[in-house]
Amino acid sequence: MISRRKMLGWGMTGAAVAALPLSALAAPASVSTVDLRGSIDARDHGVSPDGGDVSSRKLMALIEQAARQNKPVYLPPGDYRVSGLDLPDNTRLVGVSGASRLVYSGDGSLIRATAARRIELSNLVIDGGNRWLDDQTPALIHFSGIPDVSIDNCEILGARKSAIQLERCGGRIERSKISGAADYAVYAVESTGLSVTGNSVFDCGNGGILIHRWEKGVDGSIVTANRIFRIGARNGGTGQYGNAINLFRAANVMVSGNHITDSAFSAIRANSSSNAQISGNQCFRSGETAIYAEFSFEGAVISDNTVDGAANGISVVNFNEGGRLSTISGNIVRNLSATGPYKLDGAIFGVGISAEADTAITGNVVENAALWGLALGFGPYLRNVVAANNIVRGANVGCAVSVAEGAGSTVITGNVFQDVNDGGVIGYRWTQAPTEELGGSGDAAAAFPHLTVMGNRVG
C-alpha cells in the first residue's frame, strides 16, 4: 500500500491519485474485508445519496451493467432512498459498513432476485423504515432459486414483515445484524446448503431464524454462533411463533454454539425434523420449552447445552406422532417454572428433561425444577428409554415414569436425586401418581415389569 507520507513526498498530481485502485482511496482495510479493486463507483454514474427516484433508477441500471461485466458496485457512505431493486444474476453490491445505507422509499418492494446463480450483498445497511410491503413481497430481501447467496456484514432493520426470506437458496448469511422485523429475521425454506453464522438477531415480532421445508426432506443447513435475543410471539399461538431458532420438516440440520436469550417460546424448536444436532448452545429465559424436538422426527442429538430459566428444559416427545430416537447428554438444565405462556388442559410445565421413545438420557444435571426433574413417557407413549448417571437436585419429583398400561421398557439406573420433595422415582398414570417411591432400595418397582430401577441414590 502507498502511504499518505509517500504520496506527499512524491508530489503526486490529482491525476496520479485518481489512477490509484479504488480500494486504496474509498475505505480503509479495517472497514471492509471486501476487495474493491475493479469495482464500479456509484458516484461516477450519477448515483448519489438522497438522489430520490432518479438515483434509484440509475442504481438499478448500474447494477445491471456491472453484473454483465462481472464487477461489483461500490456504494460510498450515505443514504440511498430506493425501492424495486430486482437484482440480476452476478450482482455484487458493496458498501462501507454502517455508513452505506439503502433506505426503502416505500413503493412495494425493496430487494428481490429470482433464478440467479449468485447474489452478493456486503457491508450495507438495509433499512425498511417499517414501511408497507405489497402482497407479493414477504420480506425486505426476497430471493428465490439462487444457489449461492452471500449476505455478509450487513445491518437489516425496520422490516414491516420479515427481514430476509430465501426460497430454494444456498449460500451464507454471516456477521450481520438483523433487528426490528415484524415477523422473522430469516425465513429460509427448501434450502440447498445454507449457513447462517455469526449474526446478531434481536427484537423480532414472531421468530428469529427459521429453517423450513414445504415437505419433509434433507435440508442440511447449518445455524451456528449466532446471538439471538428478545424474540416475541406477536401472532400468539402455542409454539408456532416466538422461537429463536425453528426447524420444520428440515432434516440433517446442525444448530450449535448459539447464544439465545428471552424467547417468547423456545430457544430452539425442531418440529418434524429428523437427524437434528443441537449442541453447545446457551439458552436463557425461554418462555416455554427451551429446546424442543417434537412430532414426527427420527434422530435428535441434544448435547452439552446450557438451559437456565424456562417453563420446560429439554423435551423430546410426541411418540404418538412418530417422534423417536435420540440422545440427551451432558446438558445443564436449571430454574424451571411451573408457569408457561398459555393455559391448556394437559399442559405440563416445570419439567427438566422429557423423553418418550428410543432415547438415552445420560450425564445431565437438572437443578430447581418446579415439577419433575426427569419425565419418562406419558401414558402408553414410552418405549426403550434409559436414564442413567444423571443428577437431579431440587424438584418436586426426581423422575416421573409412566406406569400406564402399554408403557414399554425403561431403565433408570445410577442417578442421584437430592432435595426431591415427593420422591426420587415415582410412577405416573398420565398425571396421577399411584405408586410409592420406586427409586430406593426396596422392591416396589417389581410390580411394573417394564421397569428396571436400580443403583439410584435418593436423598
Protein backbone atom coordinates (compact mmCIF):
# COMPACT_ATOMS: atom_id res chain seq x y z
CA MET A 1 0.00 0.00 0.00
CA ILE A 2 1.15 3.55 -0.75
CA SER A 3 1.22 5.64 2.41
CA ARG A 4 -0.01 9.22 2.62
CA ARG A 5 3.55 10.31 3.57
CA LYS A 6 4.99 8.77 0.40
CA MET A 7 2.25 10.29 -1.76
CA LEU A 8 3.02 13.75 -0.46
CA GLY A 9 6.76 13.17 -0.74
CA TRP A 10 6.47 12.22 -4.37
CA GLY A 11 4.31 15.25 -5.11
CA MET A 12 1.67 13.15 -6.80
CA THR A 13 -0.75 15.01 -9.02
CA GLY A 14 -4.51 14.72 -8.87
CA ALA A 15 -4.42 12.60 -12.00
CA ALA A 16 -1.96 10.18 -10.43
CA VAL A 17 -4.08 9.90 -7.30
CA ALA A 18 -7.16 9.24 -9.41
CA ALA A 19 -5.33 6.35 -11.06
CA LEU A 20 -4.95 4.53 -7.76
CA PRO A 21 -7.15 1.48 -7.18
CA LEU A 22 -10.48 2.40 -5.63
CA SER A 23 -9.70 0.20 -2.62
CA ALA A 24 -6.78 2.45 -1.73
CA LEU A 25 -8.95 5.56 -1.64
CA ALA A 26 -12.51 4.69 -0.73
CA ALA A 27 -12.28 2.82 2.56
CA PRO A 28 -9.60 1.70 4.99
CA ALA A 29 -8.86 -2.01 5.09
CA SER A 30 -10.28 -2.16 8.62
CA VAL A 31 -13.71 -1.06 7.43
CA SER A 32 -14.29 -3.81 4.90
CA THR A 33 -12.88 -7.22 4.14
CA VAL A 34 -14.24 -6.98 0.59
CA ASP A 35 -11.70 -6.37 -2.17
CA LEU A 36 -12.95 -3.32 -4.08
CA ARG A 37 -10.38 -3.44 -6.85
CA GLY A 38 -12.10 -3.39 -10.21
CA SER A 39 -15.39 -2.21 -8.73
CA ILE A 40 -17.60 0.47 -10.22
CA ASP A 41 -18.08 3.55 -8.02
CA ALA A 42 -21.75 4.52 -7.99
CA ARG A 43 -20.84 8.21 -7.76
CA ASP A 44 -19.22 8.06 -11.18
CA HIS A 45 -22.57 7.08 -12.68
CA GLY A 46 -24.81 9.71 -11.13
CA VAL A 47 -25.95 7.64 -8.14
CA SER A 48 -25.79 9.89 -5.11
CA PRO A 49 -27.18 9.83 -1.58
CA ASP A 50 -30.63 11.39 -1.24
CA GLY A 51 -30.99 11.34 -5.01
CA GLY A 52 -34.58 10.15 -4.88
CA ASP A 53 -36.27 8.22 -7.70
CA VAL A 54 -33.72 9.32 -10.29
CA SER A 55 -30.89 7.90 -8.23
CA SER A 56 -32.87 4.70 -7.65
CA ARG A 57 -33.35 4.16 -11.41
CA LYS A 58 -29.70 4.92 -12.10
CA LEU A 59 -28.60 2.46 -9.42
CA MET A 60 -30.68 -0.32 -10.97
CA ALA A 61 -29.20 0.38 -14.39
CA LEU A 62 -25.70 0.43 -12.91
CA ILE A 63 -26.24 -2.90 -11.13
CA GLU A 64 -27.31 -4.49 -14.41
CA GLN A 65 -24.29 -3.07 -16.23
CA ALA A 66 -21.85 -4.21 -13.54
CA ALA A 67 -23.38 -7.71 -13.45
CA ARG A 68 -22.81 -8.08 -17.19
CA GLN A 69 -19.18 -7.00 -16.69
CA ASN A 70 -18.72 -9.31 -13.67
CA LYS A 71 -17.84 -6.34 -11.44
CA PRO A 72 -19.04 -5.19 -8.01
CA VAL A 73 -20.87 -1.91 -7.50
CA TYR A 74 -19.43 0.21 -4.69
CA LEU A 75 -21.78 2.49 -2.75
CA PRO A 76 -19.93 5.24 -0.83
CA PRO A 77 -21.34 6.36 2.55
CA GLY A 78 -24.76 8.00 2.53
CA ASP A 79 -28.49 7.31 2.44
CA TYR A 80 -29.76 5.94 -0.89
CA ARG A 81 -33.56 6.04 -0.99
CA VAL A 82 -34.54 3.19 -3.27
CA SER A 83 -37.20 0.59 -3.99
CA GLY A 84 -37.93 -2.13 -6.52
CA LEU A 85 -34.35 -3.36 -6.91
CA ASP A 86 -34.77 -6.55 -8.96
CA LEU A 87 -31.24 -7.92 -8.92
CA PRO A 88 -29.84 -9.79 -11.93
CA ASP A 89 -27.51 -12.77 -11.80
CA ASN A 90 -24.00 -11.93 -10.67
CA THR A 91 -24.97 -8.85 -8.66
CA ARG A 92 -22.30 -7.75 -6.19
CA LEU A 93 -23.30 -4.71 -4.16
CA VAL A 94 -20.71 -3.43 -1.66
CA GLY A 95 -20.65 -0.50 0.75
CA VAL A 96 -18.89 0.83 3.82
CA SER A 97 -20.02 -0.98 6.95
CA GLY A 98 -22.53 1.07 8.95
CA ALA A 99 -22.37 4.01 6.54
CA SER A 100 -23.71 2.94 3.13
CA ARG A 101 -27.47 2.78 3.62
CA LEU A 102 -30.21 1.54 1.31
CA VAL A 103 -33.35 3.17 2.71
CA TYR A 104 -36.66 1.81 1.46
CA SER A 105 -38.72 4.52 -0.23
CA GLY A 106 -41.94 2.52 0.13
CA ASP A 107 -43.12 1.54 -3.35
CA GLY A 108 -43.99 -2.10 -2.66
CA SER A 109 -40.66 -3.94 -2.51
CA LEU A 110 -37.03 -3.22 -1.74
CA ILE A 111 -34.65 -6.02 -2.88
CA ARG A 112 -35.53 -9.21 -4.70
CA ALA A 113 -33.98 -11.69 -7.10
CA THR A 114 -35.18 -14.85 -8.83
CA ALA A 115 -33.40 -17.72 -10.57
CA ALA A 116 -29.94 -16.19 -10.45
CA ARG A 117 -26.79 -18.18 -9.77
CA ARG A 118 -25.05 -15.77 -7.44
CA ILE A 119 -26.00 -12.62 -5.49
CA GLU A 120 -23.74 -10.80 -3.01
CA LEU A 121 -24.61 -8.01 -0.56
CA SER A 122 -21.75 -6.79 1.64
CA ASN A 123 -21.21 -4.00 4.20
CA LEU A 124 -24.62 -2.41 3.71
CA VAL A 125 -27.31 -1.03 5.99
CA ILE A 126 -30.73 -2.01 4.61
CA ASP A 127 -33.44 -0.01 6.35
CA GLY A 128 -37.11 -0.80 5.75
CA GLY A 129 -38.33 2.11 7.84
CA ASN A 130 -41.32 -0.08 8.87
CA ARG A 131 -42.95 0.91 5.60
CA TRP A 132 -45.62 -1.02 3.70
CA LEU A 133 -44.65 -4.01 1.51
CA ASP A 134 -47.03 -5.26 -1.17
CA ASP A 135 -48.82 -8.63 -1.02
CA GLN A 136 -46.25 -10.35 -3.26
CA THR A 137 -43.34 -9.20 -1.08
CA PRO A 138 -42.84 -11.16 2.16
CA ALA A 139 -39.55 -9.53 3.19
CA LEU A 140 -37.20 -6.62 2.65
CA ILE A 141 -34.82 -9.06 0.94
CA HIS A 142 -36.62 -11.78 -1.01
CA PHE A 143 -34.53 -14.26 -3.01
CA SER A 144 -35.81 -17.35 -4.82
CA GLY A 145 -33.95 -20.11 -6.63
CA ILE A 146 -30.41 -18.80 -6.03
CA PRO A 147 -27.83 -21.46 -5.10
CA ASP A 148 -25.13 -19.00 -3.98
CA VAL A 149 -26.41 -16.14 -1.82
CA SER A 150 -23.95 -14.09 0.22
CA ILE A 151 -25.20 -11.55 2.77
CA ASP A 152 -22.13 -10.51 4.74
CA ASN A 153 -21.56 -7.84 7.39
CA CYS A 154 -24.86 -6.11 6.69
CA GLU A 155 -27.36 -4.46 9.01
CA ILE A 156 -31.01 -5.10 8.19
CA LEU A 157 -33.67 -3.34 10.21
CA GLY A 158 -37.19 -1.99 10.22
CA ALA A 159 -38.96 -4.69 8.17
CA ARG A 160 -42.75 -4.39 8.12
CA LYS A 161 -42.83 -8.17 7.50
CA SER A 162 -39.70 -10.37 7.57
CA ALA A 163 -36.17 -9.09 7.07
CA ILE A 164 -34.88 -11.89 4.79
CA GLN A 165 -36.81 -14.63 3.00
CA LEU A 166 -34.96 -17.24 0.96
CA GLU A 167 -36.72 -19.92 -1.12
CA ARG A 168 -34.68 -22.78 -2.63
CA CYS A 169 -31.45 -20.93 -1.92
CA GLY A 170 -27.99 -21.85 -0.67
CA GLY A 171 -25.01 -19.82 0.41
CA ARG A 172 -24.46 -17.90 3.61
CA ILE A 173 -25.78 -15.17 5.87
CA GLU A 174 -23.00 -14.15 8.21
CA ARG A 175 -21.67 -11.42 10.52
CA SER A 176 -24.86 -9.40 10.05
CA LYS A 177 -27.16 -7.57 12.44
CA ILE A 178 -30.87 -8.18 11.88
CA SER A 179 -33.39 -6.40 14.09
CA GLY A 180 -36.86 -4.98 14.34
CA ALA A 181 -38.61 -7.31 11.89
CA ALA A 182 -42.34 -7.52 12.48
CA ASP A 183 -42.28 -11.23 11.58
CA TYR A 184 -38.99 -13.14 11.20
CA ALA A 185 -35.35 -12.20 10.91
CA VAL A 186 -34.54 -15.04 8.48
CA TYR A 187 -37.12 -17.33 6.89
CA ALA A 188 -35.40 -19.95 4.72
CA VAL A 189 -37.49 -22.63 3.02
CA GLU A 190 -36.27 -25.56 0.88
CA SER A 191 -32.65 -24.52 1.37
CA THR A 192 -29.77 -26.10 -0.50
CA GLY A 193 -26.75 -25.96 1.80
CA LEU A 194 -27.38 -22.71 3.66
CA SER A 195 -25.18 -21.43 6.51
CA VAL A 196 -26.42 -18.81 8.99
CA THR A 197 -23.39 -17.96 11.10
CA GLY A 198 -22.17 -15.28 13.48
CA ASN A 199 -25.17 -12.96 13.24
CA SER A 200 -26.92 -10.81 15.85
CA VAL A 201 -30.70 -11.20 15.69
CA PHE A 202 -32.98 -9.31 18.06
CA ASP A 203 -36.31 -7.56 18.65
CA CYS A 204 -38.25 -9.57 16.05
CA GLY A 205 -42.00 -9.97 16.35
CA ASN A 206 -42.65 -13.64 15.57
CA GLY A 207 -39.36 -15.51 15.21
CA GLY A 208 -35.62 -15.40 14.74
CA ILE A 209 -34.02 -17.87 12.30
CA LEU A 210 -36.43 -20.30 10.63
CA ILE A 211 -35.24 -23.29 8.57
CA HIS A 212 -38.36 -24.79 6.96
CA ARG A 213 -39.37 -27.04 4.11
CA TRP A 214 -42.68 -27.34 2.29
CA GLU A 215 -42.37 -31.15 2.52
CA LYS A 216 -40.18 -33.28 4.77
CA GLY A 217 -36.71 -33.80 3.35
CA VAL A 218 -32.97 -33.36 3.73
CA ASP A 219 -32.05 -29.73 4.22
CA GLY A 220 -28.51 -29.69 5.57
CA SER A 221 -28.48 -26.11 6.82
CA ILE A 222 -26.00 -25.00 9.49
CA VAL A 223 -27.02 -22.46 12.14
CA THR A 224 -24.03 -21.63 14.33
CA ALA A 225 -22.58 -18.97 16.62
CA ASN A 226 -25.50 -16.55 16.38
CA ARG A 227 -26.55 -14.22 19.19
CA ILE A 228 -30.35 -14.08 19.36
CA PHE A 229 -32.42 -12.17 21.91
CA ARG A 230 -35.83 -10.66 22.54
CA ILE A 231 -37.89 -12.78 20.15
CA GLY A 232 -41.64 -12.27 20.50
CA ALA A 233 -44.82 -14.12 19.55
CA ARG A 234 -46.88 -11.25 18.22
CA ASN A 235 -49.27 -13.67 16.50
CA GLY A 236 -49.87 -15.66 19.70
CA GLY A 237 -50.36 -19.43 19.45
CA THR A 238 -48.84 -22.29 21.43
CA GLY A 239 -45.43 -22.51 19.79
CA GLN A 240 -45.95 -21.75 16.11
CA TYR A 241 -44.36 -18.36 16.78
CA GLY A 242 -41.90 -16.97 19.28
CA ASN A 243 -38.94 -19.30 18.65
CA ALA A 244 -35.38 -18.04 18.30
CA ILE A 245 -34.38 -20.94 16.03
CA ASN A 246 -37.09 -23.06 14.44
CA LEU A 247 -36.68 -26.15 12.24
CA PHE A 248 -39.74 -27.53 10.45
CA ARG A 249 -39.64 -30.66 8.26
CA ALA A 250 -35.93 -29.97 7.69
CA ALA A 251 -33.65 -32.98 8.18
CA ASN A 252 -29.90 -33.11 8.84
CA VAL A 253 -29.61 -29.61 10.29
CA MET A 254 -26.89 -28.55 12.71
CA VAL A 255 -27.65 -25.97 15.41
CA SER A 256 -24.62 -25.27 17.57
CA GLY A 257 -22.85 -22.63 19.60
CA ASN A 258 -25.70 -20.12 19.62
CA HIS A 259 -26.36 -17.70 22.50
CA ILE A 260 -30.11 -17.23 22.95
CA THR A 261 -31.93 -15.05 25.48
CA ASP A 262 -35.57 -14.07 26.07
CA SER A 263 -37.54 -16.09 23.53
CA ALA A 264 -41.30 -15.98 23.99
CA PHE A 265 -41.47 -19.74 23.41
CA SER A 266 -38.46 -21.91 22.54
CA ALA A 267 -34.83 -21.06 22.14
CA ILE A 268 -34.52 -23.98 19.69
CA ARG A 269 -37.55 -25.83 18.35
CA ALA A 270 -37.29 -28.74 15.88
CA ASN A 271 -40.67 -29.86 14.55
CA SER A 272 -40.76 -32.99 12.35
CA SER A 273 -37.05 -32.54 11.66
CA SER A 274 -35.01 -35.75 11.68
CA ASN A 275 -31.30 -36.02 12.48
CA ALA A 276 -31.11 -32.63 14.15
CA GLN A 277 -27.89 -31.96 16.01
CA ILE A 278 -28.41 -29.40 18.78
CA SER A 279 -25.20 -28.91 20.72
CA GLY A 280 -23.26 -26.40 22.73
CA ASN A 281 -25.97 -23.74 22.82
CA GLN A 282 -26.72 -21.35 25.68
CA CYS A 283 -30.44 -20.79 26.25
CA PHE A 284 -31.59 -18.29 28.86
CA ARG A 285 -35.09 -17.21 29.92
CA SER A 286 -37.19 -19.13 27.43
CA GLY A 287 -40.93 -18.62 27.83
CA GLU A 288 -41.92 -22.24 27.16
CA THR A 289 -39.69 -25.26 26.36
CA ALA A 290 -36.10 -24.16 25.84
CA ILE A 291 -35.05 -27.00 23.49
CA TYR A 292 -37.77 -28.97 21.77
CA ALA A 293 -37.72 -31.95 19.38
CA GLU A 294 -41.33 -32.76 18.62
CA PHE A 295 -43.81 -34.55 16.35
CA SER A 296 -42.71 -36.88 13.54
CA PHE A 297 -38.92 -37.00 13.73
CA GLU A 298 -36.33 -39.76 13.88
CA GLY A 299 -32.97 -38.90 15.36
CA ALA A 300 -32.07 -35.97 17.59
CA VAL A 301 -28.70 -35.40 19.24
CA ILE A 302 -29.04 -32.87 22.08
CA SER A 303 -25.77 -32.42 23.92
CA ASP A 304 -23.71 -30.03 26.02
CA ASN A 305 -26.30 -27.24 26.11
CA THR A 306 -26.94 -24.86 29.00
CA VAL A 307 -30.56 -24.04 29.81
CA ASP A 308 -31.23 -21.55 32.58
CA GLY A 309 -34.77 -20.28 33.01
CA ALA A 310 -37.70 -21.85 31.10
CA ALA A 311 -41.08 -23.46 31.66
CA ASN A 312 -39.60 -26.78 30.49
CA GLY A 313 -35.95 -27.51 29.80
CA ILE A 314 -35.46 -30.15 27.08
CA SER A 315 -38.36 -32.12 25.57
CA VAL A 316 -38.02 -34.95 23.03
CA VAL A 317 -41.58 -36.13 22.69
CA ASN A 318 -44.65 -36.92 20.56
CA PHE A 319 -44.10 -40.65 20.18
CA ASN A 320 -47.80 -40.71 19.32
CA GLU A 321 -46.86 -38.83 16.13
CA GLY A 322 -43.75 -40.93 15.43
CA GLY A 323 -41.21 -38.85 17.38
CA ARG A 324 -38.39 -41.20 18.42
CA LEU A 325 -34.66 -41.95 18.54
CA SER A 326 -32.44 -39.51 20.41
CA THR A 327 -29.59 -38.97 22.81
CA ILE A 328 -29.73 -36.30 25.50
CA SER A 329 -26.36 -35.95 27.18
CA GLY A 330 -24.12 -33.56 29.05
CA ASN A 331 -26.67 -30.77 29.43
CA ILE A 332 -27.16 -28.42 32.37
CA VAL A 333 -30.83 -27.55 32.90
CA ARG A 334 -31.92 -25.34 35.77
CA ASN A 335 -34.53 -22.92 37.15
CA LEU A 336 -37.70 -24.26 35.56
CA SER A 337 -41.02 -22.58 36.28
CA ALA A 338 -44.45 -24.16 36.65
CA THR A 339 -45.92 -21.25 34.67
CA GLY A 340 -45.95 -21.18 30.87
CA PRO A 341 -47.13 -18.70 28.23
CA TYR A 342 -50.58 -20.29 27.81
CA LYS A 343 -53.12 -22.41 29.67
CA LEU A 344 -54.31 -25.68 28.14
CA ASP A 345 -55.82 -28.83 29.62
CA GLY A 346 -52.98 -31.31 29.94
CA ALA A 347 -50.18 -28.79 29.55
CA ILE A 348 -47.33 -29.59 31.94
CA PHE A 349 -44.66 -27.07 32.90
CA GLY A 350 -41.76 -27.19 35.33
CA VAL A 351 -40.01 -30.29 33.89
CA GLY A 352 -36.26 -30.55 33.36
CA ILE A 353 -35.86 -33.24 30.66
CA SER A 354 -38.66 -35.22 28.97
CA ALA A 355 -38.35 -38.16 26.56
CA GLU A 356 -40.64 -40.90 25.27
CA ALA A 357 -39.10 -43.37 22.83
CA ASP A 358 -35.75 -44.97 21.93
CA THR A 359 -33.76 -42.42 23.92
CA ALA A 360 -30.67 -42.42 26.12
CA ILE A 361 -30.60 -39.69 28.79
CA THR A 362 -27.12 -39.67 30.30
CA GLY A 363 -24.81 -37.41 32.25
CA ASN A 364 -27.16 -34.45 32.60
CA VAL A 365 -27.63 -32.16 35.61
CA VAL A 366 -31.07 -30.75 36.42
CA GLU A 367 -31.47 -28.23 39.23
CA ASN A 368 -34.53 -26.41 40.58
CA ALA A 369 -37.37 -27.95 38.58
CA ALA A 370 -40.76 -26.81 39.82
CA LEU A 371 -42.40 -30.16 38.97
CA TRP A 372 -40.26 -33.11 37.76
CA GLY A 373 -36.55 -33.35 37.13
CA LEU A 374 -36.92 -36.12 34.53
CA ALA A 375 -40.14 -37.21 32.80
CA LEU A 376 -40.06 -40.58 31.04
CA GLY A 377 -43.06 -41.29 28.85
CA PHE A 378 -46.64 -40.13 29.06
CA GLY A 379 -49.47 -42.63 29.29
CA PRO A 380 -48.70 -45.54 26.91
CA TYR A 381 -46.15 -43.47 25.00
CA LEU A 382 -42.96 -44.91 26.46
CA ARG A 383 -40.51 -47.31 24.83
CA ASN A 384 -36.81 -48.13 25.24
CA VAL A 385 -35.75 -45.19 27.39
CA VAL A 386 -32.60 -45.28 29.53
CA ALA A 387 -31.99 -42.61 32.20
CA ALA A 388 -28.52 -43.23 33.61
CA ASN A 389 -25.96 -41.29 35.64
CA ASN A 390 -27.93 -38.05 35.83
CA ILE A 391 -28.16 -35.66 38.79
CA VAL A 392 -31.43 -34.04 39.82
CA ARG A 393 -31.15 -31.55 42.63
CA GLY A 394 -34.24 -29.70 43.75
CA ALA A 395 -37.57 -30.88 42.31
CA ASN A 396 -40.99 -31.98 43.43
CA VAL A 397 -40.21 -35.44 41.98
CA GLY A 398 -36.79 -36.51 40.76
CA CYS A 399 -38.01 -38.79 37.96
CA ALA A 400 -41.62 -39.32 36.86
CA VAL A 401 -42.01 -42.51 34.81
CA SER A 402 -45.14 -43.78 33.12
CA VAL A 403 -46.71 -46.93 34.56
CA ALA A 404 -49.82 -46.66 32.41
CA GLU A 405 -51.00 -49.72 30.51
CA GLY A 406 -48.95 -50.09 27.31
CA ALA A 407 -45.82 -48.33 28.57
CA GLY A 408 -42.64 -50.04 27.34
CA SER A 409 -39.17 -50.98 28.57
CA THR A 410 -37.40 -48.37 30.70
CA VAL A 411 -34.14 -48.44 32.67
CA ILE A 412 -33.49 -45.94 35.48
CA THR A 413 -30.08 -46.51 36.97
CA GLY A 414 -27.17 -44.79 38.65
CA ASN A 415 -28.91 -41.46 39.13
CA VAL A 416 -28.66 -39.11 42.10
CA PHE A 417 -31.87 -37.43 43.31
CA GLN A 418 -31.39 -34.86 46.04
CA ASP A 419 -33.88 -32.50 47.67
CA VAL A 420 -36.86 -34.09 45.93
CA ASN A 421 -39.98 -33.34 47.91
CA ASP A 422 -42.27 -36.21 46.89
CA GLY A 423 -39.74 -38.87 45.92
CA GLY A 424 -36.86 -39.84 43.69
CA VAL A 425 -38.65 -42.14 41.19
CA ILE A 426 -42.45 -42.10 41.13
CA GLY A 427 -44.73 -43.94 38.70
CA TYR A 428 -47.48 -42.00 36.95
CA ARG A 429 -50.60 -42.88 35.01
CA TRP A 430 -50.87 -39.79 32.91
CA THR A 431 -50.73 -37.05 35.56
CA GLN A 432 -51.80 -39.17 38.52
CA ALA A 433 -49.24 -40.85 40.82
CA PRO A 434 -50.47 -44.27 42.02
CA THR A 435 -47.12 -45.57 43.28
CA GLU A 436 -44.86 -45.11 46.25
CA GLU A 437 -41.14 -44.47 45.95
CA LEU A 438 -39.61 -46.73 43.27
CA GLY A 439 -36.05 -45.48 43.43
CA GLY A 440 -34.97 -46.67 46.85
CA SER A 441 -33.54 -50.00 47.92
CA GLY A 442 -36.91 -51.76 48.15
CA ASP A 443 -38.68 -53.86 45.54
CA ALA A 444 -41.60 -51.54 44.79
CA ALA A 445 -40.61 -51.35 41.13
CA ALA A 446 -41.03 -55.10 40.77
CA ALA A 447 -44.77 -54.54 40.40
CA PHE A 448 -44.07 -52.98 37.00
CA PRO A 449 -42.30 -55.48 34.72
CA HIS A 450 -41.44 -52.86 32.09
CA LEU A 451 -39.24 -51.01 34.61
CA THR A 452 -35.66 -51.65 35.70
CA VAL A 453 -34.85 -49.33 38.60
CA MET A 454 -31.56 -49.88 40.34
CA GLY A 455 -28.50 -48.21 41.80
CA ASN A 456 -30.09 -44.82 42.30
CA ARG A 457 -29.41 -42.63 45.32
CA VAL A 458 -32.36 -40.70 46.78
CA GLY A 459 -31.53 -38.08 49.38
